């Protein structure tokens, strides 16, 4: 499993590593890849798949963005999705430095996405 090296030694790298741990704990068989490398983003984007794309993790100047490929079709009772809310298929969770994430609710989203991919 190739892990993305986002090149950030600050809170963004730490937060993305924490998200990665939560994803793997939720679905131990998940596959992590680096996708979409380009000159403006040579490190690429972390992408987690299990029976299809589950989510991606990207770092930005002021946040990290976890985008669920089919998030619009997932129940989000805890209201974690706060980005791409008008998109027809995807949904995102934007996390800024001072934000926290409900680990249990996040892992439930990961499991629901994996279940959706397997059905």
PDB file of N, CA and C in Angstrom:
ATOM      1  N   UNK A   1       0.854  -1.165   0.000  1.00  0.00           N
ATOM      2  CA  UNK A   1       0.000   0.000   0.000  1.00  0.00           C
ATOM      3  C   UNK A   1       0.900   1.228   0.000  1.00  0.00           C
ATOM      4  N   UNK A   2       0.794   2.028  -1.022  1.00  0.00           N
ATOM      5  CA  UNK A   2       1.572   3.263  -1.085  1.00  0.00           C
ATOM      6  C   UNK A   2       0.813   4.363  -0.364  1.00  0.00           C
ATOM      7  N   UNK A   3       1.462   4.959   0.619  1.00  0.00           N
ATOM      8  CA  UNK A   3       0.839   6.058   1.344  1.00  0.00           C
ATOM      9  C   UNK A   3       1.276   7.370   0.728  1.00  0.00           C
ATOM     10  N   UNK A   4       0.352   8.294   0.679  1.00  0.00           N
ATOM     11  CA  UNK A   4       0.679   9.607   0.142  1.00  0.00           C
ATOM     12  C   UNK A   4       1.667  10.293   1.074  1.00  0.00           C
ATOM     13  N   UNK A   5       2.653  10.928   0.498  1.00  0.00           N
ATOM     14  CA  UNK A   5       3.571  11.763   1.265  1.00  0.00           C
ATOM     15  C   UNK A   5       3.194  13.187   0.926  1.00  0.00           C
ATOM     16  N   UNK A   6       2.353  13.767   1.770  1.00  0.00           N
ATOM     17  CA  UNK A   6       1.822  15.083   1.437  1.00  0.00           C
ATOM     18  C   UNK A   6       2.837  16.201   1.605  1.00  0.00           C
ATOM     19  N   UNK A   7       3.995  15.893   2.172  1.00  0.00           N
ATOM     20  CA  UNK A   7       5.046  16.888   2.282  1.00  0.00           C
ATOM     21  C   UNK A   7       4.807  17.937   3.342  1.00  0.00           C
ATOM     22  N   UNK A   8       3.803  17.759   4.168  1.00  0.00           N
ATOM     23  CA  UNK A   8       3.502  18.738   5.210  1.00  0.00           C
ATOM     24  C   UNK A   8       3.940  18.204   6.564  1.00  0.00           C
ATOM     25  N   UNK A   9       4.780  18.953   7.225  1.00  0.00           N
ATOM     26  CA  UNK A   9       5.237  18.548   8.556  1.00  0.00           C
ATOM     27  C   UNK A   9       4.504  19.345   9.636  1.00  0.00           C
ATOM     28  N   UNK A  10       3.418  19.990   9.242  1.00  0.00           N
ATOM     29  CA  UNK A  10       2.642  20.775  10.199  1.00  0.00           C
ATOM     30  C   UNK A  10       1.340  20.041  10.539  1.00  0.00           C
ATOM     31  N   UNK A  11       0.368  20.752  11.041  1.00  0.00           N
ATOM     32  CA  UNK A  11      -0.883  20.160  11.479  1.00  0.00           C
ATOM     33  C   UNK A  11      -1.606  19.429  10.358  1.00  0.00           C
ATOM     34  N   UNK A  12      -1.431  19.875   9.103  1.00  0.00           N
ATOM     35  CA  UNK A  12      -2.129  19.228   7.985  1.00  0.00           C
ATOM     36  C   UNK A  12      -1.652  17.797   7.787  1.00  0.00           C
ATOM     37  N   UNK A  13      -0.337  17.595   7.850  1.00  0.00           N
ATOM     38  CA  UNK A  13       0.196  16.239   7.728  1.00  0.00           C
ATOM     39  C   UNK A  13      -0.239  15.365   8.890  1.00  0.00           C
ATOM     40  N   UNK A  14      -0.213  15.928  10.098  1.00  0.00           N
ATOM     41  CA  UNK A  14      -0.655  15.179  11.279  1.00  0.00           C
ATOM     42  C   UNK A  14      -2.128  14.818  11.174  1.00  0.00           C
ATOM     43  N   UNK A  15      -2.935  15.763  10.741  1.00  0.00           N
ATOM     44  CA  UNK A  15      -4.380  15.509  10.643  1.00  0.00           C
ATOM     45  C   UNK A  15      -4.689  14.467   9.578  1.00  0.00           C
ATOM     46  N   UNK A  16      -3.991  14.559   8.429  1.00  0.00           N
ATOM     47  CA  UNK A  16      -4.216  13.575   7.378  1.00  0.00           C
ATOM     48  C   UNK A  16      -3.779  12.191   7.848  1.00  0.00           C
ATOM     49  N   UNK A  17      -2.699  12.106   8.605  1.00  0.00           N
ATOM     50  CA  UNK A  17      -2.262  10.813   9.160  1.00  0.00           C
ATOM     51  C   UNK A  17      -3.310  10.260  10.119  1.00  0.00           C
ATOM     52  N   UNK A  18      -3.924  11.125  10.927  1.00  0.00           N
ATOM     53  CA  UNK A  18      -4.978  10.693  11.848  1.00  0.00           C
ATOM     54  C   UNK A  18      -6.194  10.175  11.078  1.00  0.00           C
ATOM     55  N   UNK A  19      -6.579  10.882  10.023  1.00  0.00           N
ATOM     56  CA  UNK A  19      -7.705  10.449   9.185  1.00  0.00           C
ATOM     57  C   UNK A  19      -7.388   9.103   8.554  1.00  0.00           C
ATOM     58  N   UNK A  20      -6.160   8.953   8.057  1.00  0.00           N
ATOM     59  CA  UNK A  20      -5.727   7.686   7.470  1.00  0.00           C
ATOM     60  C   UNK A  20      -5.886   6.554   8.484  1.00  0.00           C
ATOM     61  N   UNK A  21      -5.461   6.773   9.735  1.00  0.00           N
ATOM     62  CA  UNK A  21      -5.589   5.753  10.773  1.00  0.00           C
ATOM     63  C   UNK A  21      -7.052   5.398  11.019  1.00  0.00           C
ATOM     64  N   UNK A  22      -7.921   6.393  11.067  1.00  0.00           N
ATOM     65  CA  UNK A  22      -9.346   6.133  11.279  1.00  0.00           C
ATOM     66  C   UNK A  22      -9.937   5.308  10.138  1.00  0.00           C
ATOM     67  N   UNK A  23      -9.530   5.613   8.916  1.00  0.00           N
ATOM     68  CA  UNK A  23     -10.030   4.880   7.748  1.00  0.00           C
ATOM     69  C   UNK A  23      -9.603   3.417   7.818  1.00  0.00           C
ATOM     70  N   UNK A  24      -8.338   3.182   8.091  1.00  0.00           N
ATOM     71  CA  UNK A  24      -7.819   1.805   8.138  1.00  0.00           C
ATOM     72  C   UNK A  24      -8.426   1.025   9.306  1.00  0.00           C
ATOM     73  N   UNK A  25      -8.657   1.691  10.428  1.00  0.00           N
ATOM     74  CA  UNK A  25      -9.307   1.021  11.549  1.00  0.00           C
ATOM     75  C   UNK A  25     -10.742   0.632  11.192  1.00  0.00           C
ATOM     76  N   UNK A  26     -11.429   1.494  10.444  1.00  0.00           N
ATOM     77  CA  UNK A  26     -12.815   1.220  10.060  1.00  0.00           C
ATOM     78  C   UNK A  26     -12.906   0.090   9.040  1.00  0.00           C
ATOM     79  N   UNK A  27     -11.989   0.056   8.113  1.00  0.00           N
ATOM     80  CA  UNK A  27     -11.982  -0.944   7.030  1.00  0.00           C
ATOM     81  C   UNK A  27     -10.551  -1.411   6.792  1.00  0.00           C
ATOM     82  N   UNK A  28     -10.100  -2.423   7.554  1.00  0.00           N
ATOM     83  CA  UNK A  28      -8.704  -2.868   7.464  1.00  0.00           C
ATOM     84  C   UNK A  28      -8.270  -3.342   6.072  1.00  0.00           C
ATOM     85  N   UNK A  29      -9.197  -3.738   5.224  1.00  0.00           N
ATOM     86  CA  UNK A  29      -8.851  -4.233   3.882  1.00  0.00           C
ATOM     87  C   UNK A  29      -8.755  -3.113   2.843  1.00  0.00           C
ATOM     88  N   UNK A  30      -8.957  -1.899   3.262  1.00  0.00           N
ATOM     89  CA  UNK A  30      -8.971  -0.772   2.329  1.00  0.00           C
ATOM     90  C   UNK A  30      -7.608  -0.619   1.652  1.00  0.00           C
ATOM     91  N   UNK A  31      -7.620  -0.129   0.448  1.00  0.00           N
ATOM     92  CA  UNK A  31      -6.395   0.082  -0.329  1.00  0.00           C
ATOM     93  C   UNK A  31      -6.160   1.580  -0.456  1.00  0.00           C
ATOM     94  N   UNK A  32      -4.957   2.007  -0.099  1.00  0.00           N
ATOM     95  CA  UNK A  32      -4.587   3.417  -0.244  1.00  0.00           C
ATOM     96  C   UNK A  32      -3.629   3.553  -1.410  1.00  0.00           C
ATOM     97  N   UNK A  33      -3.901   4.530  -2.243  1.00  0.00           N
ATOM     98  CA  UNK A  33      -3.047   4.808  -3.393  1.00  0.00           C
ATOM     99  C   UNK A  33      -2.783   6.309  -3.465  1.00  0.00           C
ATOM    100  N   UNK A  34      -1.790   6.645  -4.252  1.00  0.00           N
ATOM    101  CA  UNK A  34      -1.551   8.044  -4.584  1.00  0.00           C
ATOM    102  C   UNK A  34      -2.011   8.242  -6.017  1.00  0.00           C
ATOM    103  N   UNK A  35      -2.904   9.197  -6.219  1.00  0.00           N
ATOM    104  CA  UNK A  35      -3.446   9.455  -7.554  1.00  0.00           C
ATOM    105  C   UNK A  35      -3.276  10.921  -7.904  1.00  0.00           C
ATOM    106  N   UNK A  36      -3.484  11.204  -9.147  1.00  0.00           N
ATOM    107  CA  UNK A  36      -3.559  12.565  -9.674  1.00  0.00           C
ATOM    108  C   UNK A  36      -2.332  13.408  -9.341  1.00  0.00           C
ATOM    109  N   UNK A  37      -1.154  12.832  -9.578  1.00  0.00           N
ATOM    110  CA  UNK A  37       0.082  13.628  -9.443  1.00  0.00           C
ATOM    111  C   UNK A  37       0.176  14.567 -10.638  1.00  0.00           C
ATOM    112  N   UNK A  38       0.597  15.794 -10.384  1.00  0.00           N
ATOM    113  CA  UNK A  38       0.773  16.773 -11.444  1.00  0.00           C
ATOM    114  C   UNK A  38       1.769  17.817 -10.970  1.00  0.00           C
ATOM    115  N   UNK A  39       2.291  18.640 -11.862  1.00  0.00           N
ATOM    116  CA  UNK A  39       3.306  19.624 -11.460  1.00  0.00           C
ATOM    117  C   UNK A  39       2.875  20.516 -10.294  1.00  0.00           C
ATOM    118  N   UNK A  40       1.603  20.887 -10.250  1.00  0.00           N
ATOM    119  CA  UNK A  40       1.145  21.751  -9.166  1.00  0.00           C
ATOM    120  C   UNK A  40       0.902  20.983  -7.864  1.00  0.00           C
ATOM    121  N   UNK A  41       0.897  19.651  -7.935  1.00  0.00           N
ATOM    122  CA  UNK A  41       0.714  18.813  -6.754  1.00  0.00           C
ATOM    123  C   UNK A  41       1.515  17.524  -6.939  1.00  0.00           C
ATOM    124  N   UNK A  42       2.853  17.610  -6.878  1.00  0.00           N
ATOM    125  CA  UNK A  42       3.686  16.442  -7.166  1.00  0.00           C
ATOM    126  C   UNK A  42       3.506  15.296  -6.175  1.00  0.00           C
ATOM    127  N   UNK A  43       3.040  15.575  -4.969  1.00  0.00           N
ATOM    128  CA  UNK A  43       2.811  14.507  -3.990  1.00  0.00           C
ATOM    129  C   UNK A  43       1.554  13.717  -4.315  1.00  0.00           C
ATOM    130  N   UNK A  44       0.656  14.278  -5.105  1.00  0.00           N
ATOM    131  CA  UNK A  44      -0.577  13.602  -5.462  1.00  0.00           C
ATOM    132  C   UNK A  44      -1.624  13.698  -4.361  1.00  0.00           C
ATOM    133  N   UNK A  45      -2.643  12.896  -4.528  1.00  0.00           N
ATOM    134  CA  UNK A  45      -3.796  12.889  -3.628  1.00  0.00           C
ATOM    135  C   UNK A  45      -3.960  11.490  -3.057  1.00  0.00           C
ATOM    136  N   UNK A  46      -4.147  11.398  -1.757  1.00  0.00           N
ATOM    137  CA  UNK A  46      -4.429  10.105  -1.136  1.00  0.00           C
ATOM    138  C   UNK A  46      -5.824   9.670  -1.560  1.00  0.00           C
ATOM    139  N   UNK A  47      -5.940   8.412  -1.966  1.00  0.00           N
ATOM    140  CA  UNK A  47      -7.228   7.867  -2.380  1.00  0.00           C
ATOM    141  C   UNK A  47      -7.396   6.500  -1.739  1.00  0.00           C
ATOM    142  N   UNK A  48      -8.530   6.296  -1.093  1.00  0.00           N
ATOM    143  CA  UNK A  48      -8.811   5.018  -0.426  1.00  0.00           C
ATOM    144  C   UNK A  48      -9.954   4.326  -1.138  1.00  0.00           C
ATOM    145  N   UNK A  49      -9.740   3.042  -1.464  1.00  0.00           N
ATOM    146  CA  UNK A  49     -10.719   2.272  -2.221  1.00  0.00           C
ATOM    147  C   UNK A  49     -10.970   0.920  -1.574  1.00  0.00           C
ATOM    148  N   UNK A  50     -12.180   0.452  -1.737  1.00  0.00           N
ATOM    149  CA  UNK A  50     -12.572  -0.894  -1.335  1.00  0.00           C
ATOM    150  C   UNK A  50     -13.838  -1.208  -2.126  1.00  0.00           C
ATOM    151  N   UNK A  51     -13.689  -1.978  -3.192  1.00  0.00           N
ATOM    152  CA  UNK A  51     -14.815  -2.239  -4.072  1.00  0.00           C
ATOM    153  C   UNK A  51     -15.210  -1.016  -4.880  1.00  0.00           C
ATOM    154  N   UNK A  52     -14.329  -0.046  -4.960  1.00  0.00           N
ATOM    155  CA  UNK A  52     -14.562   1.236  -5.618  1.00  0.00           C
ATOM    156  C   UNK A  52     -14.016   2.335  -4.727  1.00  0.00           C
ATOM    157  N   UNK A  53     -13.977   3.527  -5.247  1.00  0.00           N
ATOM    158  CA  UNK A  53     -13.422   4.652  -4.496  1.00  0.00           C
ATOM    159  C   UNK A  53     -14.295   4.968  -3.295  1.00  0.00           C
ATOM    160  N   UNK A  54     -13.664   5.065  -2.117  1.00  0.00           N
ATOM    161  CA  UNK A  54     -14.359   5.458  -0.888  1.00  0.00           C
ATOM    162  C   UNK A  54     -14.223   6.974  -0.710  1.00  0.00           C
ATOM    163  N   UNK A  55     -12.968   7.439  -0.593  1.00  0.00           N
ATOM    164  CA  UNK A  55     -12.746   8.864  -0.366  1.00  0.00           C
ATOM    165  C   UNK A  55     -11.328   9.242  -0.744  1.00  0.00           C
ATOM    166  N   UNK A  56     -11.120  10.541  -0.808  1.00  0.00           N
ATOM    167  CA  UNK A  56      -9.795  11.089  -1.073  1.00  0.00           C
ATOM    168  C   UNK A  56      -9.448  12.062   0.035  1.00  0.00           C
ATOM    169  N   UNK A  57      -8.164  12.301   0.217  1.00  0.00           N
ATOM    170  CA  UNK A  57      -7.696  13.262   1.214  1.00  0.00           C
ATOM    171  C   UNK A  57      -6.710  14.218   0.581  1.00  0.00           C
ATOM    172  N   UNK A  58      -7.021  15.493   0.644  1.00  0.00           N
ATOM    173  CA  UNK A  58      -6.170  16.517   0.056  1.00  0.00           C
ATOM    174  C   UNK A  58      -5.829  17.576   1.086  1.00  0.00           C
ATOM    175  N   UNK A  59      -4.643  18.134   0.965  1.00  0.00           N
ATOM    176  CA  UNK A  59      -4.250  19.233   1.839  1.00  0.00           C
ATOM    177  C   UNK A  59      -4.283  20.535   1.051  1.00  0.00           C
ATOM    178  N   UNK A  60      -4.779  21.549   1.710  1.00  0.00           N
ATOM    179  CA  UNK A  60      -4.818  22.908   1.173  1.00  0.00           C
ATOM    180  C   UNK A  60      -4.107  23.819   2.157  1.00  0.00           C
ATOM    181  N   UNK A  61      -3.964  25.062   1.792  1.00  0.00           N
ATOM    182  CA  UNK A  61      -3.251  26.014   2.637  1.00  0.00           C
ATOM    183  C   UNK A  61      -3.858  26.118   4.035  1.00  0.00           C
ATOM    184  N   UNK A  62      -5.187  26.121   4.105  1.00  0.00           N
ATOM    185  CA  UNK A  62      -5.862  26.371   5.379  1.00  0.00           C
ATOM    186  C   UNK A  62      -6.702  25.204   5.891  1.00  0.00           C
ATOM    187  N   UNK A  63      -6.678  24.054   5.197  1.00  0.00           N
ATOM    188  CA  UNK A  63      -7.536  22.935   5.594  1.00  0.00           C
ATOM    189  C   UNK A  63      -7.070  21.648   4.947  1.00  0.00           C
ATOM    190  N   UNK A  64      -7.654  20.558   5.424  1.00  0.00           N
ATOM    191  CA  UNK A  64      -7.597  19.316   4.658  1.00  0.00           C
ATOM    192  C   UNK A  64      -9.029  19.014   4.250  1.00  0.00           C
ATOM    193  N   UNK A  65      -9.162  18.355   3.119  1.00  0.00           N
ATOM    194  CA  UNK A  65     -10.481  18.043   2.568  1.00  0.00           C
ATOM    195  C   UNK A  65     -10.559  16.538   2.341  1.00  0.00           C
ATOM    196  N   UNK A  66     -11.539  15.932   2.994  1.00  0.00           N
ATOM    197  CA  UNK A  66     -11.817  14.512   2.796  1.00  0.00           C
ATOM    198  C   UNK A  66     -13.090  14.443   1.964  1.00  0.00           C
ATOM    199  N   UNK A  67     -12.970  13.963   0.730  1.00  0.00           N
ATOM    200  CA  UNK A  67     -14.109  13.915  -0.181  1.00  0.00           C
ATOM    201  C   UNK A  67     -14.550  12.472  -0.371  1.00  0.00           C
ATOM    202  N   UNK A  68     -15.803  12.213  -0.070  1.00  0.00           N
ATOM    203  CA  UNK A  68     -16.394  10.891  -0.268  1.00  0.00           C
ATOM    204  C   UNK A  68     -16.995  10.852  -1.668  1.00  0.00           C
ATOM    205  N   UNK A  69     -16.543   9.889  -2.464  1.00  0.00           N
ATOM    206  CA  UNK A  69     -16.917   9.806  -3.874  1.00  0.00           C
ATOM    207  C   UNK A  69     -18.425   9.747  -4.075  1.00  0.00           C
ATOM    208  N   UNK A  70     -19.118   9.003  -3.241  1.00  0.00           N
ATOM    209  CA  UNK A  70     -20.570   8.865  -3.346  1.00  0.00           C
ATOM    210  C   UNK A  70     -21.249   9.341  -2.068  1.00  0.00           C
ATOM    211  N   UNK A  71     -20.708  10.394  -1.490  1.00  0.00           N
ATOM    212  CA  UNK A  71     -21.189  10.874  -0.209  1.00  0.00           C
ATOM    213  C   UNK A  71     -22.641  11.314  -0.199  1.00  0.00           C
ATOM    214  N   UNK A  72     -23.151  11.788  -1.340  1.00  0.00           N
ATOM    215  CA  UNK A  72     -24.542  12.244  -1.375  1.00  0.00           C
ATOM    216  C   UNK A  72     -25.522  11.108  -1.104  1.00  0.00           C
ATOM    217  N   UNK A  73     -25.084   9.875  -1.320  1.00  0.00           N
ATOM    218  CA  UNK A  73     -25.976   8.733  -1.097  1.00  0.00           C
ATOM    219  C   UNK A  73     -25.799   8.116   0.289  1.00  0.00           C
ATOM    220  N   UNK A  74     -24.957   8.713   1.133  1.00  0.00           N
ATOM    221  CA  UNK A  74     -24.711   8.181   2.469  1.00  0.00           C
ATOM    222  C   UNK A  74     -25.488   8.969   3.518  1.00  0.00           C
ATOM    223  N   UNK A  75     -26.007   8.252   4.504  1.00  0.00           N
ATOM    224  CA  UNK A  75     -26.617   8.928   5.644  1.00  0.00           C
ATOM    225  C   UNK A  75     -25.508   9.569   6.468  1.00  0.00           C
ATOM    226  N   UNK A  76     -25.735  10.772   6.907  1.00  0.00           N
ATOM    227  CA  UNK A  76     -24.768  11.517   7.723  1.00  0.00           C
ATOM    228  C   UNK A  76     -25.498  12.101   8.932  1.00  0.00           C
ATOM    229  N   UNK A  77     -25.936  11.234   9.841  1.00  0.00           N
ATOM    230  CA  UNK A  77     -26.749  11.712  10.962  1.00  0.00           C
ATOM    231  C   UNK A  77     -26.020  12.688  11.880  1.00  0.00           C
ATOM    232  N   UNK A  78     -24.696  12.644  11.930  1.00  0.00           N
ATOM    233  CA  UNK A  78     -23.933  13.549  12.789  1.00  0.00           C
ATOM    234  C   UNK A  78     -23.553  14.851  12.085  1.00  0.00           C
ATOM    235  N   UNK A  79     -23.888  14.961  10.790  1.00  0.00           N
ATOM    236  CA  UNK A  79     -23.632  16.192  10.053  1.00  0.00           C
ATOM    237  C   UNK A  79     -22.157  16.495   9.832  1.00  0.00           C
ATOM    238  N   UNK A  80     -21.368  15.464   9.543  1.00  0.00           N
ATOM    239  CA  UNK A  80     -19.939  15.686   9.299  1.00  0.00           C
ATOM    240  C   UNK A  80     -19.680  16.391   7.971  1.00  0.00           C
ATOM    241  N   UNK A  81     -20.498  16.092   6.963  1.00  0.00           N
ATOM    242  CA  UNK A  81     -20.288  16.715   5.663  1.00  0.00           C
ATOM    243  C   UNK A  81     -20.561  18.213   5.765  1.00  0.00           C
ATOM    244  N   UNK A  82     -19.569  19.004   5.366  1.00  0.00           N
ATOM    245  CA  UNK A  82     -19.708  20.456   5.390  1.00  0.00           C
ATOM    246  C   UNK A  82     -19.192  21.099   4.112  1.00  0.00           C
ATOM    247  N   UNK A  83     -18.879  20.277   3.123  1.00  0.00           N
ATOM    248  CA  UNK A  83     -18.375  20.771   1.846  1.00  0.00           C
ATOM    249  C   UNK A  83     -19.017  20.027   0.693  1.00  0.00           C
ATOM    250  N   UNK A  84     -19.102  20.664  -0.455  1.00  0.00           N
ATOM    251  CA  UNK A  84     -19.697  20.086  -1.661  1.00  0.00           C
ATOM    252  C   UNK A  84     -21.139  19.649  -1.410  1.00  0.00           C
ATOM    253  N   UNK A  85     -21.845  20.389  -0.587  1.00  0.00           N
ATOM    254  CA  UNK A  85     -23.203  19.994  -0.212  1.00  0.00           C
ATOM    255  C   UNK A  85     -24.196  20.109  -1.359  1.00  0.00           C
ATOM    256  N   UNK A  86     -23.864  20.883  -2.381  1.00  0.00           N
ATOM    257  CA  UNK A  86     -24.748  21.011  -3.536  1.00  0.00           C
ATOM    258  C   UNK A  86     -24.399  20.036  -4.658  1.00  0.00           C
ATOM    259  N   UNK A  87     -23.316  19.285  -4.490  1.00  0.00           N
ATOM    260  CA  UNK A  87     -22.911  18.323  -5.519  1.00  0.00           C
ATOM    261  C   UNK A  87     -23.919  17.183  -5.580  1.00  0.00           C
ATOM    262  N   UNK A  88     -24.106  16.627  -6.745  1.00  0.00           N
ATOM    263  CA  UNK A  88     -25.095  15.563  -6.918  1.00  0.00           C
ATOM    264  C   UNK A  88     -24.603  14.211  -6.425  1.00  0.00           C
ATOM    265  N   UNK A  89     -23.288  14.003  -6.392  1.00  0.00           N
ATOM    266  CA  UNK A  89     -22.766  12.682  -6.049  1.00  0.00           C
ATOM    267  C   UNK A  89     -21.845  12.728  -4.833  1.00  0.00           C
ATOM    268  N   UNK A  90     -20.908  13.628  -4.807  1.00  0.00           N
ATOM    269  CA  UNK A  90     -19.893  13.630  -3.750  1.00  0.00           C
ATOM    270  C   UNK A  90     -20.284  14.533  -2.591  1.00  0.00           C
ATOM    271  N   UNK A  91     -19.609  14.327  -1.479  1.00  0.00           N
ATOM    272  CA  UNK A  91     -19.720  15.203  -0.311  1.00  0.00           C
ATOM    273  C   UNK A  91     -18.339  15.272   0.319  1.00  0.00           C
ATOM    274  N   UNK A  92     -18.049  16.360   1.017  1.00  0.00           N
ATOM    275  CA  UNK A  92     -16.718  16.534   1.593  1.00  0.00           C
ATOM    276  C   UNK A  92     -16.811  16.960   3.053  1.00  0.00           C
ATOM    277  N   UNK A  93     -15.718  16.702   3.744  1.00  0.00           N
ATOM    278  CA  UNK A  93     -15.522  17.184   5.104  1.00  0.00           C
ATOM    279  C   UNK A  93     -14.273  18.060   5.065  1.00  0.00           C
ATOM    280  N   UNK A  94     -14.455  19.343   5.315  1.00  0.00           N
ATOM    281  CA  UNK A  94     -13.331  20.275   5.386  1.00  0.00           C
ATOM    282  C   UNK A  94     -12.938  20.416   6.847  1.00  0.00           C
ATOM    283  N   UNK A  95     -11.666  20.199   7.133  1.00  0.00           N
ATOM    284  CA  UNK A  95     -11.151  20.303   8.495  1.00  0.00           C
ATOM    285  C   UNK A  95     -10.067  21.366   8.554  1.00  0.00           C
ATOM    286  N   UNK A  96     -10.299  22.366   9.377  1.00  0.00           N
ATOM    287  CA  UNK A  96      -9.309  23.414   9.612  1.00  0.00           C
ATOM    288  C   UNK A  96      -8.510  23.051  10.863  1.00  0.00           C
ATOM    289  N   UNK A  97      -7.471  23.790  11.123  1.00  0.00           N
ATOM    290  CA  UNK A  97      -6.541  23.440  12.195  1.00  0.00           C
ATOM    291  C   UNK A  97      -7.224  23.250  13.548  1.00  0.00           C
ATOM    292  N   UNK A  98      -8.177  24.069  13.891  1.00  0.00           N
ATOM    293  CA  UNK A  98      -8.804  23.982  15.215  1.00  0.00           C
ATOM    294  C   UNK A  98     -10.008  23.045  15.256  1.00  0.00           C
ATOM    295  N   UNK A  99     -10.377  22.467  14.120  1.00  0.00           N
ATOM    296  CA  UNK A  99     -11.534  21.578  14.075  1.00  0.00           C
ATOM    297  C   UNK A  99     -11.213  20.204  14.660  1.00  0.00           C
ATOM    298  N   UNK A 100     -12.234  19.599  15.214  1.00  0.00           N
ATOM    299  CA  UNK A 100     -12.126  18.203  15.646  1.00  0.00           C
ATOM    300  C   UNK A 100     -13.070  17.384  14.784  1.00  0.00           C
ATOM    301  N   UNK A 101     -12.877  16.067  14.811  1.00  0.00           N
ATOM    302  CA  UNK A 101     -13.773  15.188  14.063  1.00  0.00           C
ATOM    303  C   UNK A 101     -14.259  14.098  15.000  1.00  0.00           C
ATOM    304  N   UNK A 102     -15.521  13.771  14.879  1.00  0.00           N
ATOM    305  CA  UNK A 102     -16.121  12.680  15.644  1.00  0.00           C
ATOM    306  C   UNK A 102     -15.643  11.377  14.996  1.00  0.00           C
ATOM    307  N   UNK A 103     -14.680  10.717  15.629  1.00  0.00           N
ATOM    308  CA  UNK A 103     -14.049   9.534  15.048  1.00  0.00           C
ATOM    309  C   UNK A 103     -15.069   8.437  14.764  1.00  0.00           C
ATOM    310  N   UNK A 104     -15.975   8.206  15.689  1.00  0.00           N
ATOM    311  CA  UNK A 104     -16.970   7.146  15.517  1.00  0.00           C
ATOM    312  C   UNK A 104     -17.886   7.439  14.331  1.00  0.00           C
ATOM    313  N   UNK A 105     -18.352   8.674  14.217  1.00  0.00           N
ATOM    314  CA  UNK A 105     -19.226   9.049  13.103  1.00  0.00           C
ATOM    315  C   UNK A 105     -18.473   8.984  11.777  1.00  0.00           C
ATOM    316  N   UNK A 106     -17.204   9.410  11.778  1.00  0.00           N
ATOM    317  CA  UNK A 106     -16.405   9.357  10.554  1.00  0.00           C
ATOM    318  C   UNK A 106     -16.217   7.917  10.113  1.00  0.00           C
ATOM    319  N   UNK A 107     -15.880   7.046  11.048  1.00  0.00           N
ATOM    320  CA  UNK A 107     -15.687   5.638  10.700  1.00  0.00           C
ATOM    321  C   UNK A 107     -16.989   5.007  10.213  1.00  0.00           C
ATOM    322  N   UNK A 108     -18.120   5.436  10.756  1.00  0.00           N
ATOM    323  CA  UNK A 108     -19.411   4.938  10.273  1.00  0.00           C
ATOM    324  C   UNK A 108     -19.617   5.336   8.810  1.00  0.00           C
ATOM    325  N   UNK A 109     -19.201   6.557   8.428  1.00  0.00           N
ATOM    326  CA  UNK A 109     -19.289   6.969   7.025  1.00  0.00           C
ATOM    327  C   UNK A 109     -18.406   6.103   6.138  1.00  0.00           C
ATOM    328  N   UNK A 110     -17.189   5.815   6.599  1.00  0.00           N
ATOM    329  CA  UNK A 110     -16.269   4.974   5.820  1.00  0.00           C
ATOM    330  C   UNK A 110     -16.884   3.582   5.627  1.00  0.00           C
ATOM    331  N   UNK A 111     -17.403   3.003   6.701  1.00  0.00           N
ATOM    332  CA  UNK A 111     -18.028   1.672   6.598  1.00  0.00           C
ATOM    333  C   UNK A 111     -19.253   1.697   5.685  1.00  0.00           C
ATOM    334  N   UNK A 112     -20.067   2.754   5.775  1.00  0.00           N
ATOM    335  CA  UNK A 112     -21.236   2.867   4.919  1.00  0.00           C
ATOM    336  C   UNK A 112     -20.837   2.995   3.446  1.00  0.00           C
ATOM    337  N   UNK A 113     -19.772   3.726   3.179  1.00  0.00           N
ATOM    338  CA  UNK A 113     -19.294   3.870   1.794  1.00  0.00           C
ATOM    339  C   UNK A 113     -18.792   2.540   1.272  1.00  0.00           C
ATOM    340  N   UNK A 114     -18.089   1.787   2.103  1.00  0.00           N
ATOM    341  CA  UNK A 114     -17.596   0.467   1.679  1.00  0.00           C
ATOM    342  C   UNK A 114     -18.774  -0.480   1.424  1.00  0.00           C
ATOM    343  N   UNK A 115     -19.772  -0.422   2.299  1.00  0.00           N
ATOM    344  CA  UNK A 115     -20.959  -1.267   2.124  1.00  0.00           C
ATOM    345  C   UNK A 115     -21.693  -0.899   0.840  1.00  0.00           C
ATOM    346  N   UNK A 116     -21.786   0.395   0.564  1.00  0.00           N
ATOM    347  CA  UNK A 116     -22.430   0.850  -0.667  1.00  0.00           C
ATOM    348  C   UNK A 116     -21.683   0.313  -1.885  1.00  0.00           C
ATOM    349  N   UNK A 117     -20.363   0.335  -1.826  1.00  0.00           N
ATOM    350  CA  UNK A 117     -19.564  -0.151  -2.957  1.00  0.00           C
ATOM    351  C   UNK A 117     -19.732  -1.654  -3.170  1.00  0.00           C
ATOM    352  N   UNK A 118     -19.991  -2.385  -2.098  1.00  0.00           N
ATOM    353  CA  UNK A 118     -20.092  -3.851  -2.227  1.00  0.00           C
ATOM    354  C   UNK A 118     -21.493  -4.313  -2.619  1.00  0.00           C
ATOM    355  N   UNK A 119     -22.459  -3.396  -2.590  1.00  0.00           N
ATOM    356  CA  UNK A 119     -23.829  -3.811  -2.927  1.00  0.00           C
ATOM    357  C   UNK A 119     -24.158  -3.547  -4.384  1.00  0.00           C
TER     358      UNK A 119
END
